Each structure stands twice: as C-alpha cells, then as structure tokens.
Protein backbone atom coordinates (compact mmCIF):
# COMPACT_ATOMS: atom_id res chain seq x y z
CA UNK A 1 9.92 11.48 8.25
CA UNK A 2 6.35 11.05 7.03
CA UNK A 3 4.89 7.58 6.62
CA UNK A 4 1.69 6.97 4.66
CA UNK A 5 0.00 3.64 5.28
CA UNK A 6 -2.74 2.18 3.14
CA UNK A 7 -4.74 -0.94 3.99
CA UNK A 8 -5.68 -2.79 0.82
CA UNK A 9 -7.98 -5.73 0.16
CA UNK A 10 -7.64 -8.00 -2.83
CA UNK A 11 -10.52 -8.61 -5.18
CA UNK A 12 -12.56 -11.59 -4.00
CA UNK A 13 -11.91 -13.52 -7.22
CA UNK A 14 -8.13 -13.53 -6.72
CA UNK A 15 -6.22 -16.03 -4.62
CA UNK A 16 -3.57 -14.71 -2.24
CA UNK A 17 -0.87 -16.02 -4.60
CA UNK A 18 -2.46 -14.40 -7.67
CA UNK A 19 -2.85 -11.14 -5.76
CA UNK A 20 0.78 -11.01 -4.63
CA UNK A 21 2.10 -11.94 -8.07
CA UNK A 22 -0.09 -9.35 -9.80
CA UNK A 23 0.89 -6.64 -7.31
CA UNK A 24 4.62 -7.36 -7.39
CA UNK A 25 4.83 -7.89 -11.15
CA UNK A 26 2.48 -5.12 -12.24
CA UNK A 27 0.95 -2.61 -9.88
CA UNK A 28 4.18 -2.04 -7.97
CA UNK A 29 5.84 -0.66 -11.08
CA UNK A 30 3.10 1.94 -11.48
CA UNK A 31 3.67 3.07 -7.89
CA UNK A 32 7.42 3.19 -8.43
CA UNK A 33 6.96 5.25 -11.59
CA UNK A 34 5.21 8.05 -9.68
CA UNK A 35 6.97 7.70 -6.31
CA UNK A 36 10.59 7.13 -7.33
CA UNK A 37 11.72 10.76 -7.19
CA UNK A 38 9.74 11.59 -4.03
CA UNK A 39 9.59 8.63 -1.63
CA UNK A 40 12.46 7.02 0.26
CA UNK A 41 10.74 3.63 0.76
CA UNK A 42 7.78 1.80 -0.77
CA UNK A 43 6.90 -1.38 1.14
CA UNK A 44 4.20 -3.98 0.78
CA UNK A 45 3.53 -6.19 3.79
CA UNK A 46 1.28 -9.10 2.82
CA UNK A 47 -0.86 -10.27 5.70
CA UNK A 48 -1.55 -13.87 6.59
CA UNK A 49 -3.27 -15.69 9.41
CA UNK A 50 -1.06 -17.79 11.66
CA UNK A 51 -2.55 -20.68 13.60
CA UNK A 52 -0.95 -19.37 16.79
CA UNK A 53 -2.09 -15.77 16.32
CA UNK A 54 -4.97 -14.44 18.36
CA UNK A 55 -6.82 -12.27 15.89
CA UNK A 56 -10.41 -12.60 17.03
CA UNK A 57 -11.46 -14.38 13.86
CA UNK A 58 -10.48 -15.68 10.47
CA UNK A 59 -10.66 -12.39 8.59
CA UNK A 60 -7.64 -10.17 8.18
CA UNK A 61 -7.97 -6.39 8.52
CA UNK A 62 -6.27 -6.13 5.10
CA UNK A 63 -4.55 -8.34 2.55
CA UNK A 64 -1.62 -5.98 2.28
CA UNK A 65 -0.35 -3.07 4.33
CA UNK A 66 1.36 -0.64 2.00
CA UNK A 67 3.85 1.83 3.45
CA UNK A 68 5.35 4.80 1.65
CA UNK A 69 8.00 6.84 3.44
CA UNK A 70 8.90 10.45 2.69
CA UNK A 71 11.74 12.55 4.08
CA UNK A 72 9.55 15.59 4.69
CA UNK A 73 6.30 17.38 3.93
CA UNK A 74 7.67 18.81 0.66
CA UNK A 75 8.44 15.31 -0.66
CA UNK A 76 5.02 14.06 0.45
CA UNK A 77 3.26 17.01 -1.22
CA UNK A 78 5.23 16.50 -4.45
CA UNK A 79 4.30 12.82 -4.53
CA UNK A 80 0.63 13.59 -3.94
CA UNK A 81 0.75 16.14 -6.75
CA UNK A 82 2.33 13.58 -9.11
CA UNK A 83 -0.21 10.92 -8.14
CA UNK A 84 -3.12 13.34 -8.54
CA UNK A 85 -2.61 14.23 -12.18
CA UNK A 86 -5.34 13.14 -14.56
CA UNK A 87 -2.98 10.78 -16.40
CA UNK A 88 -1.67 9.19 -13.19
CA UNK A 89 -5.15 8.72 -11.76
CA UNK A 90 -6.39 7.09 -14.97
CA UNK A 91 -3.47 4.65 -15.00
CA UNK A 92 -3.62 3.88 -11.27
CA UNK A 93 -7.39 3.43 -11.06
CA UNK A 94 -7.53 1.19 -14.16
CA UNK A 95 -4.93 -1.11 -12.60
CA UNK A 96 -6.42 -0.96 -9.09
CA UNK A 97 -9.77 -2.13 -10.44
CA UNK A 98 -8.06 -5.32 -11.65
CA UNK A 99 -6.44 -5.98 -8.26
CA UNK A 100 -8.19 -4.38 -5.28
CA UNK A 101 -11.59 -4.02 -3.68
CA UNK A 102 -11.35 -0.23 -3.99
CA UNK A 103 -14.38 0.32 -1.73
CA UNK A 104 -12.34 -0.91 1.25
CA UNK A 105 -9.15 1.15 0.79
CA UNK A 106 -8.09 3.17 3.82
CA UNK A 107 -5.05 5.48 3.97
CA UNK A 108 -3.57 7.40 6.87
CA UNK A 109 -0.37 9.04 8.06
CA UNK A 110 1.26 7.67 11.22
CA UNK A 111 3.65 8.94 13.86
CA UNK A 112 6.02 6.22 15.02
CA UNK A 113 7.43 5.58 18.47
CA UNK A 114 9.95 2.79 18.78
CA UNK A 115 11.02 0.90 21.87
CA UNK A 116 14.72 0.33 22.42
CA UNK A 117 15.37 -3.25 23.55
CA UNK A 118 19.15 -3.02 23.58
C-alpha cells in the first residue's frame, strides 16, 4: 500500500464553508476523473480548530489533508502518469487556482504503523 498525502490551504478570500463546498462539488470530480482507475481511496480531511485542542496557536497546518491510496507502485506510477499529461495539468491547475493557495502545497508519501488497542 502506498499513501500520498497532500497538505492544502484554501485561498484567503474563501470561507471554510465555501472552500469545502467548492472542493466537494467541483475539484473532487477532477481528481476522481484521473484517479478512478488507479487509486483505491481518495480522502479529504478538512481541518478545524477545537477549543480544547492544544495546537500552539490559531493557525492550522493546512485547511485540508488529502490522502490518496494506491495498492502498489505500479498503480501509483500510472496515476502520476495520468495526472502529468498536458491536458490533465491544464485542467487541474486552472481549477486549483480558483480554490487553493498553490504556493503552500506540500505532498509526501508516508509509511504507516498502527497500534492495536484490542
């Protein structure tokens, strides 16, 4: 299993509600179009500050944590190839510019270790 995580920040002129609605009703479909035949999961985890959370400040490290899961390296490579085409990049970037602060995007692959509490 390969998991790609991307930390995304909304454009400053969007409210949290506008951002979520625009992502879920627009940008998500572009991701699904290119990922559907390669990824096993495509998750968006929208961040929020809780009064009881100890975060060291009022600023979140991201507005959304996007996760894309792939069964193996071949599936990951195929998805990256699909996303890298000129047509895909033009479509994705045009939409991202309406939604994200693209200068703050960060992506990385993670290895997971899970604790068993049973």
